[in-house]
Amino acid sequence: MPAANPVFDVTLFILFLIIVTGAAVLAGRYLAAVFSGSLTWAPFSRIEHALFRLVGTSPEQEESWQGYARDLLIFNALGFLILFLILLLQGILPLNPQQVPGFSLIDALNIAVSFVTNTNWQVYSGEASANYFTQVLGLTVQNFLSAATGICVAIAVMRGHTRKMTDRIGNFWVDMTRAVLYVLLPLACIAALILLSQGVIQNFDPSLKTTGYGGTGSQTIAMGPVASQEAIKELGTNGGGFFNANSAHPYENPTSFSNLFEIFLILLIPAALPFTFGIISGQKRQGWALYAVMMMLFVASLGTMYASELSGNPSRALQDVPGVSMEGKEVRFGLSGTALFSTSTTATACGAVNAMHDSLTPLGGLVPMFLILLGEVVFGGVGSGFATMIAFVIVAVFIAGLMIGRTPEYLAKKVEIFEMKMALIAILIPGILVLVFVGIGVVIEGGLLGIFNPGPHGLSEIVYAFASMANNNGSAFAGLNAALPFYTLSGAVVMVIGRYVPAIAMLALAGTMARKKTIPPGPGTLPTASPSFVLWLIAVILIIGALTFFPLFAMGPIAEHFALAGGL
């Protein structure tokens, strides 16, 4: 069992987060230049103008929030339909050296919804069930487009809060094109080359057949275009792995450097968006304030998980077997690599894993569950996390305004009843979905049949599953048979509602804020870039999360912890 070195690990965490912060500042400036239209590259400029002519639009033709939401839904519906057909028909499509058949109707529905919504919840083993055509032209393409959709929502929300006396928040087709051409595509290409240098495979070869050690038995070694999918899987906070073992597989994550690099990719764009907001709003301190909230919650979560896993299984300590339990963890990366990856992938809406979350200690497993149930605002999924953070900001300034007896304001605009309603919809809808479907799952036979670990841990597994789907994360505790029809069909419903209802609510909020006029700050104006507001916003996020889900935490991971500590 490898020994942990807390001093080395903490130093690694600090240096890594400093690098992430520096890269996020630079990426934030780049994103601001891209979506303001001030950055153009000649080859990409020609491509984007050709696409604009094809769609029949231009950067000057901006839409209201209703038009922006309409175009977003149409585009995503078309993406779903195309991917759904690819999944059904993959048995007769090219690039199928293993001759895998098409997916069943129910599985194709769940997978198509999963990838279009940026969830990448997987009810299949990628290397065994999906051919190369599906992996590249189906799943990888949607990894780009679903991530770009989230970025579009975030940029539209930024415009809504920074413009005044207009009902225009941008053009979805223009934003989508720029997100893919100028952001995701070049970064993914660079990332794929770096991953290739580390040993991540990229080919279209059929699986290799080998004999076992000593010439006995046989083994199938899967091949495929892994690096190209791995890069956008992490960069776009998608998370769906080419292999069933995800980033614990050596073909997806071969070295300690690739492990840190993949975590870096997961955090890069979500961490950059607050700085983009600061530049677009002309108030960089606002961006730093939001980033500080995200980072403080992230560091607290990382510290909690690391400390819990460092102390090991409490029942083993009672048997005088102290130390880190590496069961389910990746021994190549040790405790620090596991804790950093698991915290990052659930703080964002990525869902990629390099360890099995099901085998974390109860309090260690509580951390990723709690991060997901907060709405993944720390740092959140690409775009969607920033939008949800703004919803929390609206709630925080509204409550603070009521407490000090002044009309709430944010960025010199009044926050009124409609904005509050839209913010609450964005915040509460995923939580409501979790509570409703967990309640159904623990009383009907179709839900109970999937639980292999009855008791507190079984409850944690089903809570984690619906939390992951409602918040478009995609990771799992893995001890739940989520391939049953109940979870497959209900999961599709949860993923769609959890993705698009909050997004539309935030676009509506952006549209109303864009129409408002700014008012000069007065002596009673709440400073939203101050340390006190940062702490207040953190308190609001934690209180809402605790009030909504504390009973589930108490009956699940907390009860399991005390049971183990008591020797059960």
Protein backbone atom coordinates (compact mmCIF):
# COMPACT_ATOMS: atom_id res chain seq x y z
CA MET A 1 0.00 0.00 0.00
CA PRO A 2 1.73 3.25 -1.10
CA ALA A 3 2.46 5.78 1.61
CA ALA A 4 1.11 9.30 1.30
CA ASN A 5 3.31 12.34 1.82
CA PRO A 6 1.04 15.18 2.98
CA VAL A 7 3.70 17.89 2.71
CA PHE A 8 4.56 16.94 -0.86
CA ASP A 9 0.89 16.52 -1.78
CA VAL A 10 -0.17 19.91 -0.38
CA THR A 11 2.74 21.59 -2.14
CA LEU A 12 1.66 19.91 -5.38
CA PHE A 13 -1.91 21.13 -4.90
CA ILE A 14 -0.78 24.72 -4.30
CA LEU A 15 1.54 24.82 -7.32
CA PHE A 16 -1.07 23.20 -9.53
CA LEU A 17 -3.80 25.68 -8.54
CA ILE A 18 -1.42 28.61 -9.09
CA ILE A 19 -0.77 27.33 -12.62
CA VAL A 20 -4.52 26.89 -13.21
CA THR A 21 -5.19 30.44 -12.02
CA GLY A 22 -2.54 31.94 -14.28
CA ALA A 23 -3.80 29.98 -17.28
CA ALA A 24 -7.40 30.91 -16.47
CA VAL A 25 -6.56 34.63 -16.48
CA LEU A 26 -4.96 34.33 -19.93
CA ALA A 27 -7.78 32.12 -21.26
CA GLY A 28 -10.35 34.57 -19.88
CA ARG A 29 -8.81 37.38 -21.92
CA TYR A 30 -8.75 35.18 -24.99
CA LEU A 31 -12.42 34.24 -24.61
CA ALA A 32 -13.39 37.89 -24.17
CA ALA A 33 -11.58 38.76 -27.42
CA VAL A 34 -13.21 35.87 -29.29
CA PHE A 35 -16.79 36.65 -28.31
CA SER A 36 -16.44 40.39 -28.65
CA GLY A 37 -15.48 39.80 -32.29
CA SER A 38 -12.16 41.59 -31.91
CA LEU A 39 -10.09 38.45 -32.58
CA THR A 40 -10.07 36.94 -36.05
CA TRP A 41 -7.76 34.43 -37.73
CA ALA A 42 -7.81 34.50 -41.52
CA PRO A 43 -8.44 30.74 -42.07
CA PHE A 44 -11.11 30.56 -39.36
CA SER A 45 -12.63 33.86 -40.45
CA ARG A 46 -13.28 32.48 -43.93
CA ILE A 47 -14.83 29.32 -42.47
CA GLU A 48 -17.09 31.20 -40.06
CA HIS A 49 -18.35 33.58 -42.74
CA ALA A 50 -19.12 30.62 -45.00
CA LEU A 51 -21.10 29.04 -42.16
CA PHE A 52 -22.92 32.29 -41.50
CA ARG A 53 -23.98 32.44 -45.15
CA LEU A 54 -25.13 28.82 -44.98
CA VAL A 55 -27.31 29.51 -41.94
CA GLY A 56 -28.42 32.87 -43.30
CA THR A 57 -27.16 35.03 -40.46
CA SER A 58 -24.37 37.44 -39.50
CA PRO A 59 -22.82 38.83 -36.32
CA GLU A 60 -24.91 41.99 -36.73
CA GLN A 61 -28.20 40.05 -36.58
CA GLU A 62 -28.61 39.64 -32.84
CA GLU A 63 -31.59 38.05 -31.09
CA SER A 64 -33.72 38.56 -28.03
CA TRP A 65 -33.48 35.93 -25.32
CA GLN A 66 -36.48 34.12 -26.85
CA GLY A 67 -34.79 33.91 -30.25
CA TYR A 68 -31.50 32.84 -28.69
CA ALA A 69 -33.23 30.08 -26.70
CA ARG A 70 -35.19 28.95 -29.78
CA ASP A 71 -32.06 28.57 -31.89
CA LEU A 72 -30.26 26.76 -29.06
CA LEU A 73 -33.08 24.23 -28.69
CA ILE A 74 -33.39 23.67 -32.46
CA PHE A 75 -29.65 23.08 -32.81
CA ASN A 76 -29.53 20.65 -29.89
CA ALA A 77 -32.64 18.80 -31.11
CA LEU A 78 -31.00 18.26 -34.50
CA GLY A 79 -27.84 17.05 -32.79
CA PHE A 80 -29.87 14.59 -30.73
CA LEU A 81 -31.67 13.23 -33.79
CA ILE A 82 -28.45 12.69 -35.76
CA LEU A 83 -26.67 10.99 -32.87
CA PHE A 84 -29.73 8.86 -32.07
CA LEU A 85 -29.80 7.54 -35.65
CA ILE A 86 -26.04 6.87 -35.64
CA LEU A 87 -26.40 4.81 -32.46
CA LEU A 88 -29.29 2.78 -33.85
CA LEU A 89 -27.62 2.16 -37.21
CA GLN A 90 -23.97 1.76 -36.20
CA GLY A 91 -24.07 -1.95 -37.09
CA ILE A 92 -24.27 -1.08 -40.80
CA LEU A 93 -22.08 2.04 -40.70
CA PRO A 94 -18.38 2.06 -41.72
CA LEU A 95 -15.36 2.04 -39.36
CA ASN A 96 -16.70 -1.01 -37.56
CA PRO A 97 -13.83 -3.56 -37.52
CA GLN A 98 -15.27 -5.35 -34.49
CA GLN A 99 -18.71 -5.68 -36.16
CA VAL A 100 -20.57 -4.35 -33.13
CA PRO A 101 -24.36 -4.14 -33.62
CA GLY A 102 -26.54 -1.08 -33.21
CA PHE A 103 -27.80 -0.07 -29.79
CA SER A 104 -31.27 -0.88 -28.56
CA LEU A 105 -33.92 1.84 -28.79
CA ILE A 106 -33.85 2.61 -25.06
CA ASP A 107 -30.06 2.67 -24.81
CA ALA A 108 -29.74 4.81 -27.94
CA LEU A 109 -32.23 7.29 -26.47
CA ASN A 110 -30.34 7.51 -23.17
CA ILE A 111 -26.90 7.82 -24.80
CA ALA A 112 -28.01 10.45 -27.33
CA VAL A 113 -29.63 12.55 -24.60
CA SER A 114 -26.58 12.07 -22.40
CA PHE A 115 -24.05 13.37 -24.93
CA VAL A 116 -26.21 16.19 -26.29
CA THR A 117 -26.76 17.52 -22.76
CA ASN A 118 -23.03 17.40 -21.93
CA THR A 119 -23.73 14.72 -19.30
CA ASN A 120 -22.02 11.72 -20.93
CA TRP A 121 -23.70 9.29 -18.55
CA GLN A 122 -22.69 5.91 -19.94
CA VAL A 123 -24.85 2.78 -19.78
CA TYR A 124 -22.45 0.93 -22.10
CA SER A 125 -18.77 -0.05 -22.36
CA GLY A 126 -17.29 2.17 -25.02
CA GLU A 127 -14.57 -0.15 -26.27
CA ALA A 128 -16.99 -3.07 -26.60
CA SER A 129 -20.25 -1.42 -27.70
CA ALA A 130 -19.45 1.59 -29.89
CA ASN A 131 -17.68 1.42 -33.26
CA TYR A 132 -15.19 4.02 -34.45
CA PHE A 133 -17.76 5.84 -36.59
CA THR A 134 -19.95 6.32 -33.51
CA GLN A 135 -17.02 7.31 -31.32
CA VAL A 136 -15.65 9.94 -33.73
CA LEU A 137 -18.54 11.30 -35.80
CA GLY A 138 -21.18 10.74 -33.15
CA LEU A 139 -19.89 11.06 -29.61
CA THR A 140 -16.78 13.21 -30.15
CA VAL A 141 -18.66 15.68 -32.36
CA GLN A 142 -21.30 16.07 -29.66
CA ASN A 143 -18.54 16.59 -27.09
CA PHE A 144 -17.61 19.72 -29.04
CA LEU A 145 -21.16 20.92 -29.65
CA SER A 146 -22.57 20.33 -26.17
CA ALA A 147 -19.60 22.10 -24.59
CA ALA A 148 -19.98 24.99 -27.03
CA THR A 149 -23.68 25.23 -26.12
CA GLY A 150 -22.74 25.78 -22.48
CA ILE A 151 -20.23 28.46 -23.44
CA CYS A 152 -22.91 30.19 -25.53
CA VAL A 153 -25.28 30.35 -22.54
CA ALA A 154 -22.54 31.81 -20.34
CA ILE A 155 -21.63 34.49 -22.91
CA ALA A 156 -25.29 35.42 -23.40
CA VAL A 157 -25.73 35.77 -19.63
CA MET A 158 -22.66 38.03 -19.50
CA ARG A 159 -24.08 40.24 -22.23
CA GLY A 160 -27.42 40.47 -20.47
CA HIS A 161 -25.81 41.79 -17.31
CA THR A 162 -23.49 44.24 -19.03
CA ARG A 163 -25.73 45.74 -21.73
CA LYS A 164 -28.45 48.29 -21.05
CA MET A 165 -31.69 49.44 -22.65
CA THR A 166 -31.76 46.66 -25.26
CA ASP A 167 -33.43 43.29 -25.70
CA ARG A 168 -30.55 41.81 -27.73
CA ILE A 169 -28.21 39.29 -26.07
CA GLY A 170 -26.35 37.96 -29.12
CA ASN A 171 -26.65 35.50 -31.98
CA PHE A 172 -26.54 31.81 -31.01
CA TRP A 173 -25.23 30.65 -34.41
CA VAL A 174 -22.36 33.15 -34.28
CA ASP A 175 -21.47 32.26 -30.70
CA MET A 176 -21.62 28.52 -31.45
CA THR A 177 -19.35 28.89 -34.47
CA ARG A 178 -16.79 30.95 -32.59
CA ALA A 179 -16.84 28.66 -29.56
CA VAL A 180 -15.95 25.67 -31.73
CA LEU A 181 -13.61 27.30 -34.26
CA TYR A 182 -11.64 29.65 -32.03
CA VAL A 183 -11.78 27.93 -28.65
CA LEU A 184 -12.53 24.22 -28.50
CA LEU A 185 -11.07 23.00 -31.79
CA PRO A 186 -7.56 24.53 -31.52
CA LEU A 187 -7.24 23.78 -27.80
CA ALA A 188 -8.41 20.18 -28.30
CA CYS A 189 -5.92 19.65 -31.13
CA ILE A 190 -3.04 20.90 -28.96
CA ALA A 191 -4.26 18.80 -26.03
CA ALA A 192 -4.56 15.67 -28.19
CA LEU A 193 -0.95 16.06 -29.40
CA ILE A 194 0.28 16.41 -25.82
CA LEU A 195 -1.69 13.32 -24.78
CA LEU A 196 -0.28 11.40 -27.75
CA SER A 197 3.22 12.28 -26.55
CA GLN A 198 2.38 10.65 -23.22
CA GLY A 199 1.18 7.40 -24.77
CA VAL A 200 -2.56 7.88 -25.27
CA ILE A 201 -3.38 5.82 -28.37
CA GLN A 202 -4.94 7.12 -31.61
CA ASN A 203 -5.68 4.67 -34.41
CA PHE A 204 -8.43 2.87 -36.30
CA ASP A 205 -6.96 -0.60 -35.91
CA PRO A 206 -9.08 -3.60 -34.92
CA SER A 207 -8.68 -4.97 -31.41
CA LEU A 208 -5.56 -7.04 -30.79
CA LYS A 209 -5.82 -10.69 -29.78
CA THR A 210 -3.05 -11.96 -27.52
CA THR A 211 -2.37 -15.04 -25.45
CA GLY A 212 -2.05 -14.95 -21.71
CA TYR A 213 1.11 -15.35 -19.65
CA GLY A 214 2.82 -18.63 -20.40
CA GLY A 215 0.77 -19.11 -23.56
CA THR A 216 -2.44 -19.93 -21.70
CA GLY A 217 -5.76 -18.22 -22.28
CA SER A 218 -6.38 -15.22 -24.51
CA GLN A 219 -6.92 -11.50 -24.13
CA THR A 220 -8.47 -8.81 -26.29
CA ILE A 221 -6.75 -5.40 -26.23
CA ALA A 222 -8.99 -2.67 -27.56
CA MET A 223 -7.64 -0.10 -30.00
CA GLY A 224 -9.20 3.08 -31.33
CA PRO A 225 -9.13 6.88 -31.76
CA VAL A 226 -8.71 7.66 -28.07
CA ALA A 227 -6.55 10.82 -27.89
CA SER A 228 -8.94 12.90 -30.01
CA GLN A 229 -11.88 12.01 -27.78
CA GLU A 230 -9.89 12.26 -24.55
CA ALA A 231 -8.84 15.86 -25.26
CA ILE A 232 -12.33 17.26 -25.82
CA LYS A 233 -13.80 14.97 -23.17
CA GLU A 234 -11.76 16.81 -20.53
CA LEU A 235 -11.58 20.27 -22.13
CA GLY A 236 -15.35 20.42 -22.67
CA THR A 237 -16.15 18.92 -19.24
CA ASN A 238 -17.91 16.08 -21.05
CA GLY A 239 -16.40 13.07 -19.27
CA GLY A 240 -17.50 10.13 -21.41
CA GLY A 241 -14.59 7.76 -21.74
CA PHE A 242 -13.58 5.72 -24.77
CA PHE A 243 -12.95 2.88 -22.32
CA ASN A 244 -15.30 1.69 -19.61
CA ALA A 245 -12.60 2.34 -17.00
CA ASN A 246 -12.46 5.97 -18.18
CA SER A 247 -9.32 7.88 -17.16
CA ALA A 248 -8.20 4.99 -14.95
CA HIS A 249 -7.35 3.12 -18.18
CA PRO A 250 -3.66 3.42 -19.17
CA TYR A 251 -4.62 4.06 -22.80
CA GLU A 252 -6.59 7.15 -21.71
CA ASN A 253 -4.32 8.31 -18.89
CA PRO A 254 -0.86 6.71 -19.09
CA THR A 255 1.41 8.86 -16.85
CA SER A 256 1.44 11.14 -13.82
CA PHE A 257 1.92 14.09 -16.18
CA SER A 258 -1.09 13.09 -18.30
CA ASN A 259 -3.12 12.81 -15.09
CA LEU A 260 -2.30 16.39 -14.05
CA PHE A 261 -2.71 17.64 -17.61
CA GLU A 262 -6.18 16.14 -17.87
CA ILE A 263 -7.19 17.78 -14.58
CA PHE A 264 -5.82 21.06 -15.96
CA LEU A 265 -7.98 20.67 -19.08
CA ILE A 266 -11.07 19.99 -16.96
CA LEU A 267 -10.63 23.21 -14.96
CA LEU A 268 -9.31 25.56 -17.67
CA ILE A 269 -12.43 26.97 -19.36
CA PRO A 270 -14.75 26.95 -16.30
CA ALA A 271 -12.05 28.78 -14.33
CA ALA A 272 -11.51 31.25 -17.18
CA LEU A 273 -15.13 32.38 -17.56
CA PRO A 274 -15.23 34.60 -14.42
CA PHE A 275 -12.25 36.53 -15.82
CA THR A 276 -14.03 36.79 -19.17
CA PHE A 277 -17.00 38.26 -17.31
CA GLY A 278 -14.76 40.77 -15.56
CA ILE A 279 -13.38 41.99 -18.89
CA ILE A 280 -16.75 42.12 -20.66
CA SER A 281 -18.35 43.97 -17.75
CA GLY A 282 -15.43 46.39 -17.48
CA GLN A 283 -15.12 45.48 -13.79
CA LYS A 284 -12.33 42.95 -13.40
CA ARG A 285 -12.84 42.84 -9.64
CA GLN A 286 -16.25 41.26 -10.23
CA GLY A 287 -14.56 38.42 -12.08
CA TRP A 288 -11.97 37.97 -9.34
CA ALA A 289 -14.73 37.91 -6.71
CA LEU A 290 -16.56 35.08 -8.47
CA TYR A 291 -13.31 33.22 -8.99
CA ALA A 292 -12.48 33.60 -5.29
CA VAL A 293 -15.82 32.02 -4.34
CA MET A 294 -15.18 29.09 -6.66
CA MET A 295 -11.58 28.60 -5.51
CA MET A 296 -12.37 28.78 -1.79
CA LEU A 297 -15.09 26.15 -2.11
CA PHE A 298 -12.81 24.02 -4.29
CA VAL A 299 -9.91 24.14 -1.82
CA ALA A 300 -12.21 23.30 1.10
CA SER A 301 -13.62 20.33 -0.82
CA LEU A 302 -10.19 19.09 -1.89
CA GLY A 303 -8.89 19.36 1.67
CA THR A 304 -11.87 17.46 3.06
CA MET A 305 -11.53 14.64 0.56
CA TYR A 306 -7.78 14.36 0.99
CA ALA A 307 -8.01 14.31 4.80
CA SER A 308 -10.79 11.73 4.75
CA GLU A 309 -8.95 9.40 2.40
CA LEU A 310 -5.65 9.95 4.23
CA SER A 311 -7.21 8.75 7.50
CA GLY A 312 -8.45 5.60 5.75
CA ASN A 313 -11.40 3.33 6.43
CA PRO A 314 -12.56 3.87 10.04
CA SER A 315 -13.45 0.19 10.46
CA ARG A 316 -9.91 -0.85 9.49
CA ALA A 317 -8.47 1.59 12.03
CA LEU A 318 -10.42 -0.27 14.72
CA GLN A 319 -8.56 -3.41 13.62
CA ASP A 320 -5.17 -1.65 13.99
CA VAL A 321 -4.74 -1.41 10.21
CA PRO A 322 -4.33 2.36 9.80
CA GLY A 323 -3.33 4.25 6.66
CA VAL A 324 -4.58 5.09 3.23
CA SER A 325 -6.91 2.58 1.62
CA MET A 326 -6.04 2.33 -2.07
CA GLU A 327 -8.91 0.01 -2.97
CA GLY A 328 -10.56 1.46 -6.07
CA LYS A 329 -7.87 4.11 -6.50
CA GLU A 330 -5.20 4.38 -9.18
CA VAL A 331 -1.93 3.27 -7.61
CA ARG A 332 0.07 4.96 -10.38
CA PHE A 333 -1.09 8.40 -9.19
CA GLY A 334 -1.45 7.80 -5.45
CA LEU A 335 -3.80 9.58 -3.07
CA SER A 336 -2.98 13.10 -4.27
CA GLY A 337 -3.70 12.25 -7.92
CA THR A 338 -6.97 10.58 -6.96
CA ALA A 339 -8.17 13.33 -4.62
CA LEU A 340 -7.33 16.13 -7.06
CA PHE A 341 -8.95 14.38 -10.03
CA SER A 342 -12.10 13.33 -8.13
CA THR A 343 -12.62 16.82 -6.70
CA SER A 344 -12.02 18.53 -10.04
CA THR A 345 -14.29 16.27 -12.08
CA THR A 346 -17.26 16.77 -9.72
CA ALA A 347 -16.59 20.44 -8.99
CA THR A 348 -16.99 20.84 -12.73
CA ALA A 349 -19.61 18.95 -14.72
CA CYS A 350 -17.01 16.67 -16.25
CA GLY A 351 -17.62 13.24 -14.76
CA ALA A 352 -14.37 11.68 -15.98
CA VAL A 353 -12.80 9.53 -13.26
CA ASN A 354 -9.40 8.02 -12.55
CA ALA A 355 -10.71 6.11 -9.52
CA MET A 356 -13.96 4.46 -8.53
CA HIS A 357 -15.92 6.92 -6.39
CA ASP A 358 -17.91 4.00 -5.00
CA SER A 359 -14.85 2.88 -3.03
CA LEU A 360 -14.04 6.23 -1.44
CA THR A 361 -14.48 6.48 2.30
CA PRO A 362 -17.99 7.63 3.29
CA LEU A 363 -16.91 11.21 4.03
CA GLY A 364 -14.59 11.20 1.01
CA GLY A 365 -17.51 10.11 -1.16
CA LEU A 366 -19.67 12.82 0.39
CA VAL A 367 -17.43 15.49 -1.19
CA PRO A 368 -18.11 14.72 -4.89
CA MET A 369 -21.79 14.14 -4.10
CA PHE A 370 -22.01 17.51 -2.32
CA LEU A 371 -20.16 19.33 -5.12
CA ILE A 372 -22.55 17.96 -7.72
CA LEU A 373 -25.64 18.77 -5.65
CA LEU A 374 -24.50 22.39 -5.22
CA GLY A 375 -25.28 22.79 -8.91
CA GLU A 376 -21.63 22.37 -9.86
CA VAL A 377 -20.77 26.03 -9.50
CA VAL A 378 -17.25 25.17 -8.28
CA PHE A 379 -16.08 25.68 -11.03
CA GLY A 380 -19.04 24.22 -12.82
CA GLY A 381 -19.39 22.77 -16.26
CA VAL A 382 -18.20 24.68 -19.29
CA GLY A 383 -20.56 27.68 -19.31
CA SER A 384 -23.35 26.11 -17.28
CA GLY A 385 -21.42 26.47 -14.03
CA PHE A 386 -20.86 30.19 -14.55
CA ALA A 387 -24.55 30.72 -15.39
CA THR A 388 -25.61 28.94 -12.19
CA MET A 389 -23.12 30.98 -10.17
CA ILE A 390 -24.75 34.15 -11.50
CA ALA A 391 -28.11 32.74 -10.37
CA PHE A 392 -26.67 32.37 -6.85
CA VAL A 393 -25.35 35.93 -7.06
CA ILE A 394 -28.85 37.19 -7.88
CA VAL A 395 -30.29 35.31 -4.90
CA ALA A 396 -27.51 36.59 -2.64
CA VAL A 397 -27.97 40.26 -3.56
CA PHE A 398 -31.75 39.92 -3.31
CA ILE A 399 -31.58 38.51 0.22
CA ALA A 400 -28.94 41.05 1.23
CA GLY A 401 -31.06 43.87 -0.18
CA LEU A 402 -34.03 42.78 1.89
CA MET A 403 -31.85 42.57 5.01
CA ILE A 404 -30.53 46.13 4.66
CA GLY A 405 -33.83 47.57 3.47
CA ARG A 406 -32.67 48.59 0.00
CA THR A 407 -33.68 47.53 -3.51
CA PRO A 408 -31.23 44.80 -4.53
CA GLU A 409 -28.80 45.69 -7.31
CA TYR A 410 -26.16 43.91 -9.33
CA LEU A 411 -23.82 45.75 -11.67
CA ALA A 412 -25.88 48.92 -11.14
CA LYS A 413 -29.13 47.24 -12.22
CA LYS A 414 -32.11 46.55 -10.00
CA VAL A 415 -32.89 42.92 -9.26
CA GLU A 416 -36.65 42.45 -9.19
CA ILE A 417 -39.17 39.65 -8.80
CA PHE A 418 -38.85 38.17 -12.31
CA GLU A 419 -35.06 37.90 -12.08
CA MET A 420 -35.39 36.27 -8.67
CA LYS A 421 -37.86 33.72 -10.04
CA MET A 422 -35.59 32.81 -12.95
CA ALA A 423 -32.57 32.48 -10.66
CA LEU A 424 -34.48 30.19 -8.31
CA ILE A 425 -35.63 28.03 -11.22
CA ALA A 426 -32.02 27.64 -12.37
CA ILE A 427 -30.86 26.75 -8.85
CA LEU A 428 -33.71 24.55 -7.62
CA ILE A 429 -34.81 22.53 -10.66
CA PRO A 430 -31.86 20.07 -10.53
CA GLY A 431 -32.38 19.57 -6.80
CA ILE A 432 -36.11 18.99 -7.22
CA LEU A 433 -35.38 16.40 -9.90
CA VAL A 434 -33.00 14.57 -7.56
CA LEU A 435 -35.43 14.52 -4.64
CA VAL A 436 -38.40 13.39 -6.75
CA PHE A 437 -36.66 10.62 -8.67
CA VAL A 438 -34.68 9.32 -5.69
CA GLY A 439 -38.00 9.09 -3.83
CA ILE A 440 -39.49 7.12 -6.71
CA GLY A 441 -36.41 4.93 -7.10
CA VAL A 442 -36.38 3.74 -3.49
CA VAL A 443 -40.03 2.63 -3.47
CA ILE A 444 -40.67 1.00 -6.85
CA GLU A 445 -39.35 -2.40 -7.86
CA GLY A 446 -37.63 -1.12 -10.99
CA GLY A 447 -35.48 1.17 -8.86
CA LEU A 448 -34.77 -1.24 -6.02
CA LEU A 449 -33.61 -3.98 -8.40
CA GLY A 450 -30.59 -1.88 -9.35
CA ILE A 451 -29.28 -1.52 -5.78
CA PHE A 452 -26.54 -4.08 -5.04
CA ASN A 453 -25.55 -2.50 -1.70
CA PRO A 454 -28.65 -2.03 0.47
CA GLY A 455 -28.49 0.33 3.42
CA PRO A 456 -26.87 3.78 3.62
CA HIS A 457 -24.40 3.06 0.83
CA GLY A 458 -27.17 1.94 -1.53
CA LEU A 459 -29.01 5.19 -0.86
CA SER A 460 -25.81 7.13 -1.59
CA GLU A 461 -25.48 5.32 -4.92
CA ILE A 462 -28.97 6.21 -6.11
CA VAL A 463 -28.71 9.81 -4.84
CA TYR A 464 -25.37 10.19 -6.61
CA ALA A 465 -26.79 8.74 -9.84
CA PHE A 466 -29.71 11.17 -10.09
CA ALA A 467 -27.58 14.07 -8.84
CA SER A 468 -25.05 13.31 -11.58
CA MET A 469 -27.74 13.16 -14.28
CA ALA A 470 -29.72 16.21 -13.09
CA ASN A 471 -26.58 18.34 -12.95
CA ASN A 472 -25.11 16.92 -16.18
CA ASN A 473 -22.01 15.45 -14.55
CA GLY A 474 -21.97 11.83 -15.71
CA SER A 475 -19.83 10.20 -13.02
CA ALA A 476 -21.30 7.44 -10.84
CA PHE A 477 -20.79 5.55 -7.60
CA ALA A 478 -20.86 2.51 -9.90
CA GLY A 479 -22.47 0.07 -7.46
CA LEU A 480 -25.88 0.76 -9.03
CA ASN A 481 -27.21 -1.10 -12.07
CA ALA A 482 -28.16 2.01 -14.01
CA ALA A 483 -28.76 0.01 -17.22
CA LEU A 484 -32.22 -1.05 -16.00
CA PRO A 485 -35.15 0.49 -17.92
CA PHE A 486 -36.23 2.63 -14.94
CA TYR A 487 -32.86 4.38 -14.67
CA THR A 488 -32.33 4.53 -18.44
CA LEU A 489 -35.67 6.20 -19.20
CA SER A 490 -36.00 8.35 -16.07
CA GLY A 491 -32.36 9.35 -16.48
CA ALA A 492 -33.04 10.65 -19.99
CA VAL A 493 -35.89 12.79 -18.65
CA VAL A 494 -33.78 14.10 -15.79
CA MET A 495 -30.85 14.97 -18.07
CA VAL A 496 -33.02 16.94 -20.49
CA ILE A 497 -34.84 18.93 -17.82
CA GLY A 498 -31.68 19.46 -15.78
CA ARG A 499 -29.86 20.87 -18.81
CA TYR A 500 -32.36 23.01 -20.65
CA VAL A 501 -34.77 24.42 -18.05
CA PRO A 502 -32.00 26.18 -16.07
CA ALA A 503 -30.35 27.33 -19.31
CA ILE A 504 -33.57 28.88 -20.62
CA ALA A 505 -34.28 30.45 -17.22
CA MET A 506 -30.84 32.09 -17.24
CA LEU A 507 -31.33 33.33 -20.82
CA ALA A 508 -34.65 34.85 -19.74
CA LEU A 509 -32.91 36.49 -16.79
CA ALA A 510 -30.22 37.83 -19.13
CA GLY A 511 -32.87 39.22 -21.47
CA THR A 512 -34.63 41.17 -18.73
CA MET A 513 -31.38 42.47 -17.27
CA ALA A 514 -30.27 43.70 -20.71
CA ARG A 515 -33.40 45.84 -20.96
CA LYS A 516 -32.76 47.62 -17.67
CA LYS A 517 -31.03 50.94 -17.33
CA THR A 518 -28.14 51.39 -14.96
CA ILE A 519 -28.49 53.45 -11.83
CA PRO A 520 -25.64 55.33 -10.15
CA PRO A 521 -24.29 53.71 -6.98
CA GLY A 522 -25.24 55.31 -3.70
CA PRO A 523 -24.13 55.06 -0.08
CA GLY A 524 -26.39 52.03 0.44
CA THR A 525 -25.21 50.11 -2.63
CA LEU A 526 -23.99 46.62 -1.80
CA PRO A 527 -20.39 46.18 -3.06
CA THR A 528 -20.47 42.84 -4.88
CA ALA A 529 -16.72 42.67 -5.44
CA SER A 530 -15.79 42.93 -1.77
CA PRO A 531 -14.44 40.19 0.54
CA SER A 532 -17.59 40.44 2.66
CA PHE A 533 -19.81 39.69 -0.35
CA VAL A 534 -17.56 36.77 -1.32
CA LEU A 535 -18.14 35.25 2.12
CA TRP A 536 -21.86 36.05 1.95
CA LEU A 537 -22.18 34.36 -1.45
CA ILE A 538 -20.38 31.27 -0.15
CA ALA A 539 -22.78 31.17 2.81
CA VAL A 540 -25.83 31.39 0.53
CA ILE A 541 -24.53 28.57 -1.69
CA LEU A 542 -23.80 26.32 1.31
CA ILE A 543 -27.06 27.09 3.10
CA ILE A 544 -29.18 26.30 0.04
CA GLY A 545 -27.25 23.08 -0.53
CA ALA A 546 -27.41 22.05 3.13
CA LEU A 547 -31.11 22.82 3.58
CA THR A 548 -32.04 20.93 0.43
CA PHE A 549 -29.97 17.80 0.80
CA PHE A 550 -28.86 17.41 4.42
CA PRO A 551 -31.41 14.61 5.13
CA LEU A 552 -29.98 12.61 2.20
CA PHE A 553 -26.43 13.19 3.43
CA ALA A 554 -27.41 12.16 6.96
CA MET A 555 -29.11 8.94 5.83
CA GLY A 556 -26.38 8.08 3.32
CA PRO A 557 -22.65 8.84 3.71
CA ILE A 558 -22.81 10.27 7.24
CA ALA A 559 -24.74 7.25 8.56
CA GLU A 560 -22.31 4.95 6.76
CA HIS A 561 -19.34 6.73 8.34
CA PHE A 562 -20.68 6.30 11.86
CA ALA A 563 -21.58 2.68 11.14
CA LEU A 564 -18.00 1.93 10.04
CA ALA A 565 -16.55 3.89 12.94
CA GLY A 566 -18.70 1.76 15.24
CA GLY A 567 -17.31 -1.44 13.81
CA LEU A 568 -20.33 -2.40 11.65
